[in-house]
C-alpha atoms as a PDB file:
ATOM      1  CA  MET A   1      24.352  -8.408 -49.141  1.00  0.00           C
ATOM      2  CA  SER A   2      21.945 -10.157 -46.765  1.00  0.00           C
ATOM      3  CA  GLN A   3      18.232  -9.559 -47.003  1.00  0.00           C
ATOM      4  CA  GLU A   4      16.022  -9.352 -43.947  1.00  0.00           C
ATOM      5  CA  VAL A   5      13.357 -12.034 -43.875  1.00  0.00           C
ATOM      6  CA  VAL A   6       9.915 -10.453 -43.973  1.00  0.00           C
ATOM      7  CA  THR A   7       7.475 -12.093 -41.577  1.00  0.00           C
ATOM      8  CA  ARG A   8       3.806 -11.809 -42.508  1.00  0.00           C
ATOM      9  CA  ARG A   9       1.321 -11.352 -39.694  1.00  0.00           C
ATOM     10  CA  ILE A  10      -1.558 -13.713 -39.075  1.00  0.00           C
ATOM     11  CA  THR A  11      -4.831 -12.129 -40.185  1.00  0.00           C
ATOM     12  CA  ALA A  12      -8.436 -12.229 -38.994  1.00  0.00           C
ATOM     13  CA  PRO A  13      -9.586 -14.409 -41.942  1.00  0.00           C
ATOM     14  CA  GLU A  14      -6.826 -16.895 -41.118  1.00  0.00           C
ATOM     15  CA  ILE A  15      -7.950 -17.082 -37.504  1.00  0.00           C
ATOM     16  CA  ARG A  16     -11.558 -17.556 -38.631  1.00  0.00           C
ATOM     17  CA  GLY A  17     -10.385 -20.347 -40.923  1.00  0.00           C
ATOM     18  CA  ARG A  18      -8.945 -22.225 -37.948  1.00  0.00           C
ATOM     19  CA  LYS A  19     -12.453 -23.217 -36.799  1.00  0.00           C
ATOM     20  CA  GLY A  20     -12.301 -26.915 -35.962  1.00  0.00           C
ATOM     21  CA  GLY A  21      -8.617 -27.080 -36.901  1.00  0.00           C
ATOM     22  CA  GLU A  22      -5.360 -26.550 -35.059  1.00  0.00           C
ATOM     23  CA  PRO A  23      -6.104 -24.924 -31.685  1.00  0.00           C
ATOM     24  CA  ILE A  24      -5.473 -21.184 -31.510  1.00  0.00           C
ATOM     25  CA  VAL A  25      -2.864 -20.029 -28.997  1.00  0.00           C
ATOM     26  CA  ALA A  26      -3.576 -16.615 -27.486  1.00  0.00           C
ATOM     27  CA  LEU A  27      -1.999 -14.692 -24.621  1.00  0.00           C
ATOM     28  CA  THR A  28      -2.179 -11.168 -23.329  1.00  0.00           C
ATOM     29  CA  SER A  29       0.736  -8.811 -23.833  1.00  0.00           C
ATOM     30  CA  TYR A  30       1.021  -5.255 -22.605  1.00  0.00           C
ATOM     31  CA  HIS A  31       4.469  -4.096 -23.713  1.00  0.00           C
ATOM     32  CA  ALA A  32       7.197  -4.732 -26.271  1.00  0.00           C
ATOM     33  CA  ASN A  33       9.456  -6.896 -24.105  1.00  0.00           C
ATOM     34  CA  THR A  34       6.884  -9.632 -23.521  1.00  0.00           C
ATOM     35  CA  ALA A  35       5.548  -9.264 -27.061  1.00  0.00           C
ATOM     36  CA  ARG A  36       8.954 -10.206 -28.510  1.00  0.00           C
ATOM     37  CA  ILE A  37       8.955 -13.440 -26.523  1.00  0.00           C
ATOM     38  CA  VAL A  38       5.305 -14.447 -26.835  1.00  0.00           C
ATOM     39  CA  ASP A  39       5.314 -13.669 -30.568  1.00  0.00           C
ATOM     40  CA  ASN A  40       7.487 -16.745 -31.135  1.00  0.00           C
ATOM     41  CA  HIS A  41       4.745 -19.066 -29.944  1.00  0.00           C
ATOM     42  CA  ALA A  42       1.302 -17.427 -29.963  1.00  0.00           C
ATOM     43  CA  ASP A  43      -1.143 -16.830 -32.815  1.00  0.00           C
ATOM     44  CA  ILE A  44      -2.843 -13.874 -31.097  1.00  0.00           C
ATOM     45  CA  LEU A  45      -1.453 -11.217 -28.765  1.00  0.00           C
ATOM     46  CA  LEU A  46      -4.308  -9.546 -26.919  1.00  0.00           C
ATOM     47  CA  VAL A  47      -3.627  -6.113 -25.518  1.00  0.00           C
ATOM     48  CA  GLY A  48      -6.314  -6.531 -22.903  1.00  0.00           C
ATOM     49  CA  ASP A  49      -7.817  -3.812 -20.779  1.00  0.00           C
ATOM     50  CA  SER A  50      -6.884  -6.192 -17.964  1.00  0.00           C
ATOM     51  CA  LEU A  51      -3.659  -4.178 -18.033  1.00  0.00           C
ATOM     52  CA  GLY A  52      -5.454  -1.738 -15.754  1.00  0.00           C
ATOM     53  CA  MET A  53      -5.531  -4.380 -13.016  1.00  0.00           C
ATOM     54  CA  VAL A  54      -2.280  -6.193 -13.865  1.00  0.00           C
ATOM     55  CA  LEU A  55      -0.006  -3.194 -14.470  1.00  0.00           C
ATOM     56  CA  TYR A  56      -1.748  -0.302 -12.729  1.00  0.00           C
ATOM     57  CA  ALA A  57      -3.304  -1.996  -9.682  1.00  0.00           C
ATOM     58  CA  MET A  58      -6.825  -0.862 -10.568  1.00  0.00           C
ATOM     59  CA  ASP A  59      -9.728  -2.653  -8.891  1.00  0.00           C
ATOM     60  CA  SER A  60     -11.370  -3.326 -12.265  1.00  0.00           C
ATOM     61  CA  THR A  61     -10.914  -2.593 -15.972  1.00  0.00           C
ATOM     62  CA  LEU A  62     -13.359   0.327 -15.913  1.00  0.00           C
ATOM     63  CA  GLY A  63     -10.724   3.002 -15.346  1.00  0.00           C
ATOM     64  CA  VAL A  64      -8.727   2.177 -18.467  1.00  0.00           C
ATOM     65  CA  SER A  65      -8.754   4.926 -21.104  1.00  0.00           C
ATOM     66  CA  LEU A  66      -8.609   4.764 -24.881  1.00  0.00           C
ATOM     67  CA  ASP A  67      -5.288   6.611 -24.856  1.00  0.00           C
ATOM     68  CA  LEU A  68      -3.822   4.035 -22.472  1.00  0.00           C
ATOM     69  CA  MET A  69      -4.914   1.171 -24.709  1.00  0.00           C
ATOM     70  CA  ILE A  70      -3.398   2.878 -27.732  1.00  0.00           C
ATOM     71  CA  THR A  71      -0.096   3.445 -25.943  1.00  0.00           C
ATOM     72  CA  HIS A  72       0.227  -0.208 -24.958  1.00  0.00           C
ATOM     73  CA  GLY A  73      -1.151  -1.454 -28.265  1.00  0.00           C
ATOM     74  CA  ARG A  74       1.489   0.479 -30.159  1.00  0.00           C
ATOM     75  CA  ALA A  75       4.231  -1.022 -27.979  1.00  0.00           C
ATOM     76  CA  VAL A  76       3.011  -4.593 -28.540  1.00  0.00           C
ATOM     77  CA  VAL A  77       2.797  -4.117 -32.301  1.00  0.00           C
ATOM     78  CA  ARG A  78       6.340  -2.731 -32.349  1.00  0.00           C
ATOM     79  CA  GLY A  79       7.609  -5.647 -30.289  1.00  0.00           C
ATOM     80  CA  SER A  80       6.062  -8.378 -32.442  1.00  0.00           C
ATOM     81  CA  ARG A  81       6.219  -9.473 -36.072  1.00  0.00           C
ATOM     82  CA  ARG A  82       4.127 -12.593 -36.608  1.00  0.00           C
ATOM     83  CA  ALA A  83       1.161 -12.856 -34.241  1.00  0.00           C
ATOM     84  CA  MET A  84      -2.089 -11.010 -34.827  1.00  0.00           C
ATOM     85  CA  VAL A  85      -2.376  -8.148 -32.358  1.00  0.00           C
ATOM     86  CA  VAL A  86      -5.877  -7.495 -30.999  1.00  0.00           C
ATOM     87  CA  VAL A  87      -6.560  -4.414 -28.867  1.00  0.00           C
ATOM     88  CA  ASP A  88      -9.404  -4.211 -26.355  1.00  0.00           C
ATOM     89  CA  MET A  89     -11.856  -1.366 -26.718  1.00  0.00           C
ATOM     90  CA  PRO A  90     -12.091   0.045 -23.185  1.00  0.00           C
ATOM     91  CA  PHE A  91     -15.258   0.782 -21.271  1.00  0.00           C
ATOM     92  CA  GLY A  92     -17.119   3.823 -22.613  1.00  0.00           C
ATOM     93  CA  SER A  93     -15.390   3.861 -25.998  1.00  0.00           C
ATOM     94  CA  TYR A  94     -17.945   1.866 -28.030  1.00  0.00           C
ATOM     95  CA  GLU A  95     -21.253   1.494 -26.189  1.00  0.00           C
ATOM     96  CA  GLU A  96     -22.807   4.869 -27.068  1.00  0.00           C
ATOM     97  CA  SER A  97     -23.441   4.147 -30.732  1.00  0.00           C
ATOM     98  CA  PRO A  98     -21.991   2.248 -33.688  1.00  0.00           C
ATOM     99  CA  ALA A  99     -20.697   5.536 -35.107  1.00  0.00           C
ATOM    100  CA  VAL A 100     -18.798   6.388 -31.930  1.00  0.00           C
ATOM    101  CA  ALA A 101     -17.469   2.831 -31.773  1.00  0.00           C
ATOM    102  CA  PHE A 102     -16.241   3.084 -35.359  1.00  0.00           C
ATOM    103  CA  ARG A 103     -14.523   6.405 -34.764  1.00  0.00           C
ATOM    104  CA  ASN A 104     -12.675   5.090 -31.712  1.00  0.00           C
ATOM    105  CA  ALA A 105     -11.887   1.691 -33.226  1.00  0.00           C
ATOM    106  CA  ALA A 106     -10.545   3.334 -36.375  1.00  0.00           C
ATOM    107  CA  ARG A 107      -8.296   5.480 -34.208  1.00  0.00           C
ATOM    108  CA  VAL A 108      -7.006   2.365 -32.426  1.00  0.00           C
ATOM    109  CA  MET A 109      -6.269   0.639 -35.739  1.00  0.00           C
ATOM    110  CA  GLN A 110      -4.593   3.706 -37.250  1.00  0.00           C
ATOM    111  CA  GLU A 111      -2.459   4.636 -34.253  1.00  0.00           C
ATOM    112  CA  THR A 112      -1.355   1.152 -33.200  1.00  0.00           C
ATOM    113  CA  GLY A 113      -1.214  -0.829 -36.437  1.00  0.00           C
ATOM    114  CA  CYS A 114      -3.102  -3.703 -34.785  1.00  0.00           C
ATOM    115  CA  GLY A 115      -5.017  -6.324 -36.740  1.00  0.00           C
ATOM    116  CA  ALA A 116      -8.345  -6.197 -34.905  1.00  0.00           C
ATOM    117  CA  VAL A 117     -10.217  -4.850 -31.903  1.00  0.00           C
ATOM    118  CA  LYS A 118     -12.147  -6.705 -29.220  1.00  0.00           C
ATOM    119  CA  LEU A 119     -15.338  -5.575 -27.557  1.00  0.00           C
ATOM    120  CA  GLU A 120     -17.566  -7.088 -24.919  1.00  0.00           C
ATOM    121  CA  GLY A 121     -21.226  -7.984 -25.292  1.00  0.00           C
ATOM    122  CA  GLY A 122     -23.474 -10.301 -27.264  1.00  0.00           C
ATOM    123  CA  ILE A 123     -26.888  -9.420 -28.665  1.00  0.00           C
ATOM    124  CA  ARG A 124     -26.696  -5.844 -27.381  1.00  0.00           C
ATOM    125  CA  MET A 125     -23.470  -5.223 -29.357  1.00  0.00           C
ATOM    126  CA  ALA A 126     -24.416  -7.089 -32.544  1.00  0.00           C
ATOM    127  CA  ASP A 127     -25.379  -3.945 -34.468  1.00  0.00           C
ATOM    128  CA  THR A 128     -22.074  -2.318 -33.503  1.00  0.00           C
ATOM    129  CA  ILE A 129     -20.063  -5.376 -34.538  1.00  0.00           C
ATOM    130  CA  ARG A 130     -21.846  -5.405 -37.890  1.00  0.00           C
ATOM    131  CA  PHE A 131     -21.251  -1.670 -38.356  1.00  0.00           C
ATOM    132  CA  LEU A 132     -17.526  -2.062 -37.696  1.00  0.00           C
ATOM    133  CA  THR A 133     -16.933  -5.176 -39.781  1.00  0.00           C
ATOM    134  CA  GLU A 134     -18.814  -3.741 -42.757  1.00  0.00           C
ATOM    135  CA  ARG A 135     -16.411  -0.796 -42.629  1.00  0.00           C
ATOM    136  CA  GLY A 136     -13.207  -2.796 -42.562  1.00  0.00           C
ATOM    137  CA  ILE A 137     -12.542  -3.271 -38.849  1.00  0.00           C
ATOM    138  CA  PRO A 138     -12.149  -6.912 -37.793  1.00  0.00           C
ATOM    139  CA  VAL A 139     -13.860  -7.609 -34.464  1.00  0.00           C
ATOM    140  CA  MET A 140     -13.217 -10.260 -31.863  1.00  0.00           C
ATOM    141  CA  ALA A 141     -16.301 -10.624 -29.684  1.00  0.00           C
ATOM    142  CA  HIS A 142     -16.380 -11.435 -25.950  1.00  0.00           C
ATOM    143  CA  ILE A 143     -19.312 -12.988 -24.105  1.00  0.00           C
ATOM    144  CA  GLY A 144     -20.024 -14.724 -20.811  1.00  0.00           C
ATOM    145  CA  LEU A 145     -18.190 -13.081 -17.947  1.00  0.00           C
ATOM    146  CA  THR A 146     -17.570  -9.599 -19.335  1.00  0.00           C
ATOM    147  CA  PRO A 147     -15.358  -7.673 -16.876  1.00  0.00           C
ATOM    148  CA  GLN A 148     -16.583  -4.267 -18.031  1.00  0.00           C
ATOM    149  CA  SER A 149     -20.062  -5.268 -16.815  1.00  0.00           C
ATOM    150  CA  ILE A 150     -19.118  -6.362 -13.296  1.00  0.00           C
ATOM    151  CA  ASN A 151     -21.374  -3.727 -11.753  1.00  0.00           C
ATOM    152  CA  THR A 152     -24.417  -5.218 -13.458  1.00  0.00           C
ATOM    153  CA  LEU A 153     -23.215  -8.821 -13.112  1.00  0.00           C
ATOM    154  CA  GLY A 154     -22.577  -8.347  -9.403  1.00  0.00           C
ATOM    155  CA  GLY A 155     -18.852  -9.135  -9.595  1.00  0.00           C
ATOM    156  CA  PHE A 156     -16.582 -11.620 -11.317  1.00  0.00           C
ATOM    157  CA  LYS A 157     -19.049 -14.497 -11.314  1.00  0.00           C
ATOM    158  CA  THR A 158     -19.074 -17.661 -13.387  1.00  0.00           C
ATOM    159  CA  GLN A 159     -21.803 -17.539 -16.017  1.00  0.00           C
ATOM    160  CA  GLY A 160     -24.258 -20.336 -16.819  1.00  0.00           C
ATOM    161  CA  ARG A 161     -24.559 -22.004 -13.427  1.00  0.00           C
ATOM    162  CA  ASP A 162     -28.312 -21.500 -13.812  1.00  0.00           C
ATOM    163  CA  THR A 163     -29.245 -23.596 -16.844  1.00  0.00           C
ATOM    164  CA  ALA A 164     -32.298 -21.398 -17.387  1.00  0.00           C
ATOM    165  CA  LEU A 165     -29.882 -18.718 -18.645  1.00  0.00           C
ATOM    166  CA  TRP A 166     -28.169 -20.956 -21.186  1.00  0.00           C
ATOM    167  CA  PRO A 167     -30.424 -19.914 -24.101  1.00  0.00           C
ATOM    168  CA  LEU A 168     -29.486 -16.249 -23.524  1.00  0.00           C
ATOM    169  CA  ILE A 169     -25.758 -16.960 -23.573  1.00  0.00           C
ATOM    170  CA  LYS A 170     -26.085 -19.173 -26.637  1.00  0.00           C
ATOM    171  CA  ALA A 171     -28.089 -16.422 -28.323  1.00  0.00           C
ATOM    172  CA  ASP A 172     -25.240 -13.994 -27.582  1.00  0.00           C
ATOM    173  CA  ALA A 173     -22.780 -16.336 -29.304  1.00  0.00           C
ATOM    174  CA  GLN A 174     -25.015 -16.685 -32.360  1.00  0.00           C
ATOM    175  CA  ALA A 175     -25.631 -12.933 -32.564  1.00  0.00           C
ATOM    176  CA  VAL A 176     -21.957 -11.938 -32.641  1.00  0.00           C
ATOM    177  CA  SER A 177     -21.232 -14.617 -35.210  1.00  0.00           C
ATOM    178  CA  GLU A 178     -24.036 -13.459 -37.494  1.00  0.00           C
ATOM    179  CA  ALA A 179     -22.901  -9.854 -37.042  1.00  0.00           C
ATOM    180  CA  GLY A 180     -19.502 -10.661 -38.540  1.00  0.00           C
ATOM    181  CA  ALA A 181     -17.122 -11.258 -35.630  1.00  0.00           C
ATOM    182  CA  PHE A 182     -14.204 -13.452 -36.735  1.00  0.00           C
ATOM    183  CA  SER A 183     -13.932 -15.146 -33.316  1.00  0.00           C
ATOM    184  CA  VAL A 184     -15.446 -14.980 -29.856  1.00  0.00           C
ATOM    185  CA  VAL A 185     -13.930 -15.175 -26.384  1.00  0.00           C
ATOM    186  CA  LEU A 186     -15.913 -17.336 -23.951  1.00  0.00           C
ATOM    187  CA  GLU A 187     -14.966 -16.206 -20.457  1.00  0.00           C
ATOM    188  CA  GLY A 188     -15.990 -17.732 -17.160  1.00  0.00           C
ATOM    189  CA  ILE A 189     -18.690 -19.984 -18.634  1.00  0.00           C
ATOM    190  CA  VAL A 190     -19.517 -23.372 -17.112  1.00  0.00           C
ATOM    191  CA  GLU A 191     -17.793 -26.124 -19.089  1.00  0.00           C
ATOM    192  CA  PRO A 192     -20.819 -27.942 -20.557  1.00  0.00           C
ATOM    193  CA  LEU A 193     -22.253 -24.708 -21.933  1.00  0.00           C
ATOM    194  CA  ALA A 194     -18.909 -23.507 -23.312  1.00  0.00           C
ATOM    195  CA  ALA A 195     -18.454 -26.878 -25.007  1.00  0.00           C
ATOM    196  CA  GLU A 196     -21.950 -26.737 -26.525  1.00  0.00           C
ATOM    197  CA  ILE A 197     -21.407 -23.193 -27.821  1.00  0.00           C
ATOM    198  CA  SER A 198     -18.078 -24.255 -29.349  1.00  0.00           C
ATOM    199  CA  ARG A 199     -19.682 -27.167 -31.162  1.00  0.00           C
ATOM    200  CA  GLN A 200     -22.495 -24.997 -32.513  1.00  0.00           C
ATOM    201  CA  SER A 201     -20.525 -21.854 -33.384  1.00  0.00           C
ATOM    202  CA  VAL A 202     -19.367 -21.328 -36.964  1.00  0.00           C
ATOM    203  CA  ILE A 203     -16.554 -19.022 -35.794  1.00  0.00           C
ATOM    204  CA  PRO A 204     -13.664 -20.006 -33.527  1.00  0.00           C
ATOM    205  CA  THR A 205     -14.296 -19.885 -29.800  1.00  0.00           C
ATOM    206  CA  ILE A 206     -11.413 -18.893 -27.543  1.00  0.00           C
ATOM    207  CA  GLY A 207     -11.804 -20.038 -23.979  1.00  0.00           C
ATOM    208  CA  ILE A 208     -10.681 -18.509 -20.714  1.00  0.00           C
ATOM    209  CA  GLY A 209     -12.332 -20.480 -17.977  1.00  0.00           C
ATOM    210  CA  GLY A 210     -14.378 -22.284 -20.609  1.00  0.00           C
ATOM    211  CA  SER A 211     -13.806 -25.709 -22.147  1.00  0.00           C
ATOM    212  CA  ARG A 212     -11.050 -27.730 -23.776  1.00  0.00           C
ATOM    213  CA  GLU A 213     -13.478 -28.062 -26.688  1.00  0.00           C
ATOM    214  CA  CYS A 214     -13.001 -24.377 -27.509  1.00  0.00           C
ATOM    215  CA  ASP A 215     -11.073 -23.721 -30.715  1.00  0.00           C
ATOM    216  CA  GLY A 216      -8.371 -21.927 -28.757  1.00  0.00           C
ATOM    217  CA  GLN A 217      -7.365 -20.734 -25.317  1.00  0.00           C
ATOM    218  CA  ILE A 218      -6.214 -17.447 -23.818  1.00  0.00           C
ATOM    219  CA  LEU A 219      -4.711 -16.548 -20.453  1.00  0.00           C
ATOM    220  CA  VAL A 220      -3.300 -13.427 -18.887  1.00  0.00           C
ATOM    221  CA  LEU A 221       0.453 -13.832 -19.395  1.00  0.00           C
ATOM    222  CA  GLU A 222       1.338 -12.682 -15.896  1.00  0.00           C
ATOM    223  CA  ASP A 223      -1.053 -15.235 -14.383  1.00  0.00           C
ATOM    224  CA  MET A 224       0.397 -18.222 -16.234  1.00  0.00           C
ATOM    225  CA  LEU A 225       3.959 -17.067 -15.503  1.00  0.00           C
ATOM    226  CA  GLY A 226       3.363 -17.068 -11.762  1.00  0.00           C
ATOM    227  CA  TYR A 227       3.289 -13.352 -10.988  1.00  0.00           C
ATOM    228  CA  ASN A 228      -0.117 -13.617  -9.355  1.00  0.00           C
ATOM    229  CA  PRO A 229       0.059 -15.303  -5.894  1.00  0.00           C
ATOM    230  CA  LYS A 230      -3.664 -16.174  -6.104  1.00  0.00           C
ATOM    231  CA  PRO A 231      -4.518 -16.836  -9.753  1.00  0.00           C
ATOM    232  CA  PRO A 232      -8.084 -17.720 -10.777  1.00  0.00           C
ATOM    233  CA  LYS A 233      -9.061 -21.399 -10.828  1.00  0.00           C
ATOM    234  CA  PHE A 234      -8.969 -21.557 -14.625  1.00  0.00           C
ATOM    235  CA  VAL A 235      -5.277 -20.583 -14.742  1.00  0.00           C
ATOM    236  CA  LYS A 236      -2.546 -23.197 -15.070  1.00  0.00           C
ATOM    237  CA  VAL A 237       0.735 -21.750 -13.826  1.00  0.00           C
ATOM    238  CA  TYR A 238       3.589 -22.604 -16.198  1.00  0.00           C
ATOM    239  CA  GLY A 239       6.395 -20.648 -14.529  1.00  0.00           C
ATOM    240  CA  ALA A 240       7.666 -19.118 -11.331  1.00  0.00           C
ATOM    241  CA  VAL A 241       8.699 -15.729 -12.639  1.00  0.00           C
ATOM    242  CA  GLY A 242       7.427 -13.920  -9.564  1.00  0.00           C
ATOM    243  CA  THR A 243       9.643 -16.037  -7.321  1.00  0.00           C
ATOM    244  CA  ALA A 244      12.590 -15.650  -9.708  1.00  0.00           C
ATOM    245  CA  ILE A 245      12.253 -11.852  -9.638  1.00  0.00           C
ATOM    246  CA  ASP A 246      12.035 -11.836  -5.842  1.00  0.00           C
ATOM    247  CA  ASP A 247      15.149 -14.013  -5.562  1.00  0.00           C
ATOM    248  CA  ALA A 248      17.063 -11.846  -8.029  1.00  0.00           C
ATOM    249  CA  VAL A 249      16.120  -8.563  -6.338  1.00  0.00           C
ATOM    250  CA  LYS A 250      16.984  -9.998  -2.921  1.00  0.00           C
ATOM    251  CA  ALA A 251      20.433 -11.071  -4.172  1.00  0.00           C
ATOM    252  CA  TYR A 252      21.011  -7.665  -5.750  1.00  0.00           C
ATOM    253  CA  ALA A 253      20.014  -5.845  -2.549  1.00  0.00           C
ATOM    254  CA  GLU A 254      22.350  -8.021  -0.493  1.00  0.00           C
ATOM    255  CA  ASP A 255      25.255  -7.349  -2.895  1.00  0.00           C
ATOM    256  CA  VAL A 256      24.673  -3.610  -2.808  1.00  0.00           C
ATOM    257  CA  ARG A 257      24.496  -3.501   0.985  1.00  0.00           C
ATOM    258  CA  SER A 258      27.634  -5.603   1.329  1.00  0.00           C
ATOM    259  CA  ARG A 259      29.430  -3.609  -1.406  1.00  0.00           C
ATOM    260  CA  ALA A 260      29.922  -6.795  -3.431  1.00  0.00           C
ATOM    261  CA  PHE A 261      28.282  -4.979  -6.353  1.00  0.00           C
ATOM    262  CA  PRO A 262      29.605  -3.415  -8.482  1.00  0.00           C
ATOM    263  CA  GLY A 263      32.580  -5.698  -8.863  1.00  0.00           C
ATOM    264  CA  ASP A 264      35.746  -5.041 -10.831  1.00  0.00           C
ATOM    265  CA  GLU A 265      34.062  -6.427 -13.950  1.00  0.00           C
ATOM    266  CA  ASN A 266      31.223  -3.878 -13.656  1.00  0.00           C
ATOM    267  CA  ILE A 267      33.250  -0.643 -13.462  1.00  0.00           C
ATOM    268  CA  TYR A 268      35.331   1.397 -15.891  1.00  0.00           C
ATOM    269  CA  PRO A 269      38.943   1.813 -14.738  1.00  0.00           C
ATOM    270  CA  LEU A 270      41.126   4.666 -15.915  1.00  0.00           C
ATOM    271  CA  LYS A 271      43.446   3.436 -18.663  1.00  0.00           C
END
């Protein structure tokens, strides 16, 4: 009688222990089908609130609800076995107070089975990060370009072009580390600053538009697969899935219109 091999998931302490070691591979995943594939290669699957823009054609991430994140988080956990699944806390679900953040984060953990949550903000969110981690909720921090703050940032703008602001961004990185975050995403930060933060940080830094000196990298899966016709500068496109889908759908449509599909091999004859 064969026994199923039990695969143990990567944990937050293991990710934290990768500081300065083997680079951390992270990608977004929004549903079970991609999770099954990415799980074979990635250390972290991030169920990002970017799903609002990627899957639902929203203009920003601000319209994403907690229920939506839980639905997609549950699907990614079900579709994966090895990678650590991190679920974004959406806008409005954690900023009010540490107590509200804990209540919503606990719900995410309980209803999805994920290994951690991610929230945006540096110094201003340090007390909340500390409150959550002291109560058993691992937190991935996110500083620099924080998409939930685009209305105050003035859009999706690279951070740190003005060197006078470097001390503030570095202070954000130090604050989330001291508060107990096990890692921190550095998004849209000029390369020299991202590299300096990575060298100084005692927790792993995960870059997206940051520096090769970060302890890991993350991209939106659909961007690196070639779905997006105009990906951001920091994206390297590793596939042409968008073109492949277009070619396949075109061929299918032509077969249907010419009655070439279904063929004899696709129908059930009467025996």
